[in-house]
C-alpha atoms as a PDB file:
ATOM      1  CA  MET A   1     -27.470  17.940  58.770  1.00  0.00           C
ATOM      2  CA  ASN A   2     -26.590  14.552  60.188  1.00  0.00           C
ATOM      3  CA  ASN A   3     -23.819  12.104  59.301  1.00  0.00           C
ATOM      4  CA  ASN A   4     -26.000  10.189  56.858  1.00  0.00           C
ATOM      5  CA  ASP A   5     -26.643  13.315  54.815  1.00  0.00           C
ATOM      6  CA  TRP A   6     -22.930  14.128  54.826  1.00  0.00           C
ATOM      7  CA  ALA A   7     -22.040  10.596  53.621  1.00  0.00           C
ATOM      8  CA  LEU A   8     -24.710  10.790  50.926  1.00  0.00           C
ATOM      9  CA  THR A   9     -23.387  14.137  49.700  1.00  0.00           C
ATOM     10  CA  ARG A  10     -19.841  12.840  49.717  1.00  0.00           C
ATOM     11  CA  ARG A  11     -20.874   9.719  47.791  1.00  0.00           C
ATOM     12  CA  GLN A  12     -22.735  11.863  45.230  1.00  0.00           C
ATOM     13  CA  ASP A  13     -19.674  14.069  44.865  1.00  0.00           C
ATOM     14  CA  ARG A  14     -17.505  10.985  44.201  1.00  0.00           C
ATOM     15  CA  ILE A  15     -20.000   9.717  41.619  1.00  0.00           C
ATOM     16  CA  ALA A  16     -20.138  13.119  39.909  1.00  0.00           C
ATOM     17  CA  LEU A  17     -16.341  13.364  39.950  1.00  0.00           C
ATOM     18  CA  GLY A  18     -16.065   9.852  38.453  1.00  0.00           C
ATOM     19  CA  GLU A  19     -18.550  10.767  35.728  1.00  0.00           C
ATOM     20  CA  ARG A  20     -16.644  13.950  34.887  1.00  0.00           C
ATOM     21  CA  PHE A  21     -13.378  11.977  34.811  1.00  0.00           C
ATOM     22  CA  ALA A  22     -14.883   9.325  32.506  1.00  0.00           C
ATOM     23  CA  GLY A  23     -16.273  12.069  30.242  1.00  0.00           C
ATOM     24  CA  GLY A  24     -12.899  13.830  30.131  1.00  0.00           C
ATOM     25  CA  LEU A  25     -11.128  10.557  29.384  1.00  0.00           C
ATOM     26  CA  LYS A  26     -13.561   9.808  26.543  1.00  0.00           C
ATOM     27  CA  GLN A  27     -13.058  13.310  25.131  1.00  0.00           C
ATOM     28  CA  LEU A  28      -9.260  12.900  25.299  1.00  0.00           C
ATOM     29  CA  GLU A  29      -9.503   9.544  23.537  1.00  0.00           C
ATOM     30  CA  ASP A  30     -11.621  11.091  20.754  1.00  0.00           C
ATOM     31  CA  GLN A  31      -9.184  13.967  20.384  1.00  0.00           C
ATOM     32  CA  ALA A  32      -6.210  11.589  20.170  1.00  0.00           C
ATOM     33  CA  PHE A  33      -8.006   9.605  17.468  1.00  0.00           C
ATOM     34  CA  GLU A  34      -8.791  12.772  15.505  1.00  0.00           C
ATOM     35  CA  GLU A  35      -5.214  13.959  15.872  1.00  0.00           C
ATOM     36  CA  LYS A  36      -3.909  10.682  14.399  1.00  0.00           C
ATOM     37  CA  ARG A  37      -6.468  10.850  11.614  1.00  0.00           C
ATOM     38  CA  TRP A  38      -5.426  14.408  10.750  1.00  0.00           C
ATOM     39  CA  HIS A  39      -1.742  13.422  10.930  1.00  0.00           C
ATOM     40  CA  TRP A  40      -2.190  10.640   8.359  1.00  0.00           C
ATOM     41  CA  ALA A  41      -4.364  12.850   6.153  1.00  0.00           C
ATOM     42  CA  ARG A  42      -1.704  15.592   6.278  1.00  0.00           C
ATOM     43  CA  LEU A  43       1.053  13.102   5.454  1.00  0.00           C
ATOM     44  CA  HIS A  44      -0.956  11.740   2.520  1.00  0.00           C
ATOM     45  CA  THR A  45      -1.527  15.253   1.137  1.00  0.00           C
ATOM     46  CA  LEU A  46       2.135  16.061   1.606  1.00  0.00           C
ATOM     47  CA  ARG A  47       3.382  12.905  -0.143  1.00  0.00           C
ATOM     48  CA  GLU A  48       0.812  12.646  -2.908  1.00  0.00           C
ATOM     49  CA  GLU A  49       0.079  16.258  -3.841  1.00  0.00           C
ATOM     50  CA  VAL A  50       2.412  18.920  -2.493  1.00  0.00           C
ATOM     51  CA  VAL A  51       5.874  17.320  -2.704  1.00  0.00           C
ATOM     52  CA  PRO A  52       5.390  15.858  -6.224  1.00  0.00           C
ATOM     53  CA  HIS A  53       4.172  19.264  -7.448  1.00  0.00           C
ATOM     54  CA  ILE A  54       7.196  21.070  -5.986  1.00  0.00           C
ATOM     55  CA  MET A  55       9.543  18.427  -7.420  1.00  0.00           C
ATOM     56  CA  ASN A  56       8.001  18.924 -10.879  1.00  0.00           C
ATOM     57  CA  VAL A  57       8.400  22.698 -10.635  1.00  0.00           C
ATOM     58  CA  ALA A  58      11.959  22.358  -9.336  1.00  0.00           C
ATOM     59  CA  HIS A  59      12.950  19.884 -12.054  1.00  0.00           C
ATOM     60  CA  GLN A  60      11.606  22.230 -14.724  1.00  0.00           C
ATOM     61  CA  ASP A  61      12.863  25.530 -13.294  1.00  0.00           C
ATOM     62  CA  LEU A  62      16.181  24.334 -11.857  1.00  0.00           C
ATOM     63  CA  ALA A  63      17.320  21.968 -14.606  1.00  0.00           C
ATOM     64  CA  GLY A  64      20.425  24.075 -15.325  1.00  0.00           C
ATOM     65  CA  SER A  65      21.224  24.822 -11.682  1.00  0.00           C
ATOM     66  CA  ASN A  66      24.807  24.709 -10.459  1.00  0.00           C
ATOM     67  CA  ASP A  67      23.782  24.666  -6.791  1.00  0.00           C
ATOM     68  CA  TYR A  68      20.521  22.703  -6.750  1.00  0.00           C
ATOM     69  CA  ARG A  69      20.104  22.600  -2.976  1.00  0.00           C
ATOM     70  CA  ALA A  70      20.466  26.369  -2.493  1.00  0.00           C
ATOM     71  CA  ASP A  71      18.246  27.074  -5.501  1.00  0.00           C
ATOM     72  CA  LEU A  72      15.657  24.639  -4.162  1.00  0.00           C
ATOM     73  CA  ARG A  73      15.587  26.485  -0.821  1.00  0.00           C
ATOM     74  CA  ARG A  74      15.027  29.784  -2.671  1.00  0.00           C
ATOM     75  CA  LEU A  75      12.264  28.212  -4.765  1.00  0.00           C
ATOM     76  CA  MET A  76      10.626  26.881  -1.589  1.00  0.00           C
ATOM     77  CA  ARG A  77      10.683  30.369  -0.020  1.00  0.00           C
ATOM     78  CA  ARG A  78       8.984  31.721  -3.129  1.00  0.00           C
ATOM     79  CA  LEU A  79       6.339  28.967  -3.377  1.00  0.00           C
ATOM     80  CA  VAL A  80       5.539  28.394   0.312  1.00  0.00           C
ATOM     81  CA  PRO A  81       5.181  31.584   2.372  1.00  0.00           C
ATOM     82  CA  SER A  82       4.621  29.907   5.767  1.00  0.00           C
ATOM     83  CA  PRO A  83       7.918  28.929   7.470  1.00  0.00           C
ATOM     84  CA  THR A  84       6.177  26.109   9.352  1.00  0.00           C
ATOM     85  CA  LEU A  85       4.731  24.570   6.198  1.00  0.00           C
ATOM     86  CA  ARG A  86       7.968  25.205   4.302  1.00  0.00           C
ATOM     87  CA  ARG A  87       9.955  23.296   6.945  1.00  0.00           C
ATOM     88  CA  MET A  88       7.474  20.398   6.863  1.00  0.00           C
ATOM     89  CA  ILE A  89       7.503  20.221   3.048  1.00  0.00           C
ATOM     90  CA  TYR A  90      11.283  20.630   2.785  1.00  0.00           C
ATOM     91  CA  THR A  91      11.872  17.793   5.249  1.00  0.00           C
ATOM     92  CA  ARG A  92       9.775  15.447   3.113  1.00  0.00           C
ATOM     93  CA  LEU A  93      11.200  16.801  -0.148  1.00  0.00           C
ATOM     94  CA  ILE A  94      14.835  16.107   0.733  1.00  0.00           C
ATOM     95  CA  HIS A  95      13.950  12.435   1.242  1.00  0.00           C
ATOM     96  CA  ASP A  96      11.901  12.040  -1.942  1.00  0.00           C
ATOM     97  CA  ASP A  97      13.699  14.203  -4.520  1.00  0.00           C
ATOM     98  CA  PRO A  98      16.300  12.160  -6.427  1.00  0.00           C
ATOM     99  CA  TRP A  99      18.035  15.357  -7.582  1.00  0.00           C
ATOM    100  CA  TYR A 100      18.471  16.517  -3.989  1.00  0.00           C
ATOM    101  CA  LEU A 101      19.908  13.145  -2.994  1.00  0.00           C
ATOM    102  CA  SER A 102      22.362  13.143  -5.920  1.00  0.00           C
ATOM    103  CA  GLY A 103      23.403  16.775  -5.487  1.00  0.00           C
ATOM    104  CA  GLY A 104      21.534  18.205  -8.460  1.00  0.00           C
ATOM    105  CA  PRO A 105      20.412  17.441 -11.980  1.00  0.00           C
ATOM    106  CA  ASP A 106      22.531  15.301 -14.259  1.00  0.00           C
ATOM    107  CA  LEU A 107      24.557  17.063 -16.882  1.00  0.00           C
ATOM    108  CA  PRO A 108      22.767  17.090 -20.240  1.00  0.00           C
ATOM    109  CA  GLY A 109      24.094  14.587 -22.719  1.00  0.00           C
ATOM    110  CA  LEU A 110      25.594  12.259 -20.124  1.00  0.00           C
ATOM    111  CA  GLU A 111      23.905   8.986 -19.420  1.00  0.00           C
ATOM    112  CA  ASP A 112      23.689   7.385 -16.011  1.00  0.00           C
ATOM    113  CA  VAL A 113      24.692   3.994 -17.359  1.00  0.00           C
ATOM    114  CA  VAL A 114      26.965   3.496 -20.319  1.00  0.00           C
ATOM    115  CA  ALA A 115      25.645   0.840 -22.679  1.00  0.00           C
ATOM    116  CA  PRO A 116      28.006  -2.147 -22.909  1.00  0.00           C
ATOM    117  CA  VAL A 117      29.787  -2.831 -26.188  1.00  0.00           C
ATOM    118  CA  LEU A 118      28.498  -5.972 -27.855  1.00  0.00           C
ATOM    119  CA  GLU A 119      31.049  -8.232 -29.470  1.00  0.00           C
ATOM    120  CA  ALA A 120      29.805 -11.411 -31.141  1.00  0.00           C
ATOM    121  CA  GLY A 121      26.546 -11.125 -29.202  1.00  0.00           C
ATOM    122  CA  LEU A 122      28.302 -10.951 -25.814  1.00  0.00           C
ATOM    123  CA  GLU A 123      28.783  -7.911 -23.640  1.00  0.00           C
ATOM    124  CA  LYS A 124      32.374  -6.725 -23.509  1.00  0.00           C
ATOM    125  CA  PHE A 125      33.486  -4.676 -20.518  1.00  0.00           C
ATOM    126  CA  SER A 126      36.618  -2.634 -20.254  1.00  0.00           C
ATOM    127  CA  PRO A 127      39.320  -4.194 -18.032  1.00  0.00           C
ATOM    128  CA  GLY A 128      38.883  -1.414 -15.471  1.00  0.00           C
ATOM    129  CA  GLU A 129      35.240  -2.309 -14.955  1.00  0.00           C
ATOM    130  CA  THR A 130      35.891  -5.981 -14.375  1.00  0.00           C
ATOM    131  CA  ASP A 131      38.802  -5.236 -12.032  1.00  0.00           C
ATOM    132  CA  LEU A 132      36.648  -2.870 -10.010  1.00  0.00           C
ATOM    133  CA  PHE A 133      33.822  -5.353  -9.575  1.00  0.00           C
ATOM    134  CA  SER A 134      36.181  -8.253  -9.037  1.00  0.00           C
ATOM    135  CA  SER A 135      38.005  -6.420  -6.301  1.00  0.00           C
ATOM    136  CA  LEU A 136      34.755  -5.356  -4.650  1.00  0.00           C
ATOM    137  CA  LEU A 137      33.247  -8.816  -4.753  1.00  0.00           C
ATOM    138  CA  GLY A 138      36.466 -10.802  -4.393  1.00  0.00           C
ATOM    139  CA  VAL A 139      35.708 -12.708  -7.582  1.00  0.00           C
ATOM    140  CA  ASN A 140      39.340 -13.016  -8.735  1.00  0.00           C
ATOM    141  CA  GLY A 141      40.345 -14.765  -5.529  1.00  0.00           C
ATOM    142  CA  LEU A 142      37.341 -17.070  -5.771  1.00  0.00           C
ATOM    143  CA  PHE A 143      38.210 -18.089  -9.331  1.00  0.00           C
ATOM    144  CA  ASP A 144      41.884 -18.610  -8.408  1.00  0.00           C
ATOM    145  CA  TRP A 145      40.862 -20.832  -5.497  1.00  0.00           C
ATOM    146  CA  ALA A 146      38.447 -22.825  -7.664  1.00  0.00           C
ATOM    147  CA  MET A 147      41.041 -23.371 -10.383  1.00  0.00           C
ATOM    148  CA  GLU A 148      43.837 -24.579  -8.087  1.00  0.00           C
ATOM    149  CA  PRO A 149      44.857 -28.181  -8.646  1.00  0.00           C
ATOM    150  CA  PRO A 150      43.882 -30.536  -5.847  1.00  0.00           C
ATOM    151  CA  VAL A 151      46.531 -31.170  -3.218  1.00  0.00           C
ATOM    152  CA  SER A 152      47.668 -34.735  -3.762  1.00  0.00           C
ATOM    153  CA  SER A 153      49.199 -35.203  -0.323  1.00  0.00           C
ATOM    154  CA  LEU A 154      45.802 -35.052   1.385  1.00  0.00           C
ATOM    155  CA  GLY A 155      44.408 -38.094  -0.365  1.00  0.00           C
ATOM    156  CA  GLN A 156      47.438 -40.310   0.255  1.00  0.00           C
END
């Protein structure tokens, strides 16, 4: 074997190695694409099918719950046997379930918003409500400032 044969073999090895590398890179790219596709498909199934179903079951079965979060965890253990899936579903559920975010179901008979009392066609609020909003928004100070008489010494 002479030097030319050795160089030819080495060049062929480099070409073969480059082809294997390009093939591996293409395969990795395809796998990454499939992984993203499966991720979005899994997220869609989670958001559109699984979590709404569990929320419906929880809102029906746990309507009278005193400790909604603990009861929800027990319900999840009963409905979803796999700890991995349960963790995935629970993570999404705690962000989407309004009862979880508020600490549990509302008490029956109580409304979220009390209807205002109408007096002569206008809404009448209790003084406590207006004071609360005024203090939060600083409305009282704004009205006081707007109603102050102009300072006469500035114009003279």
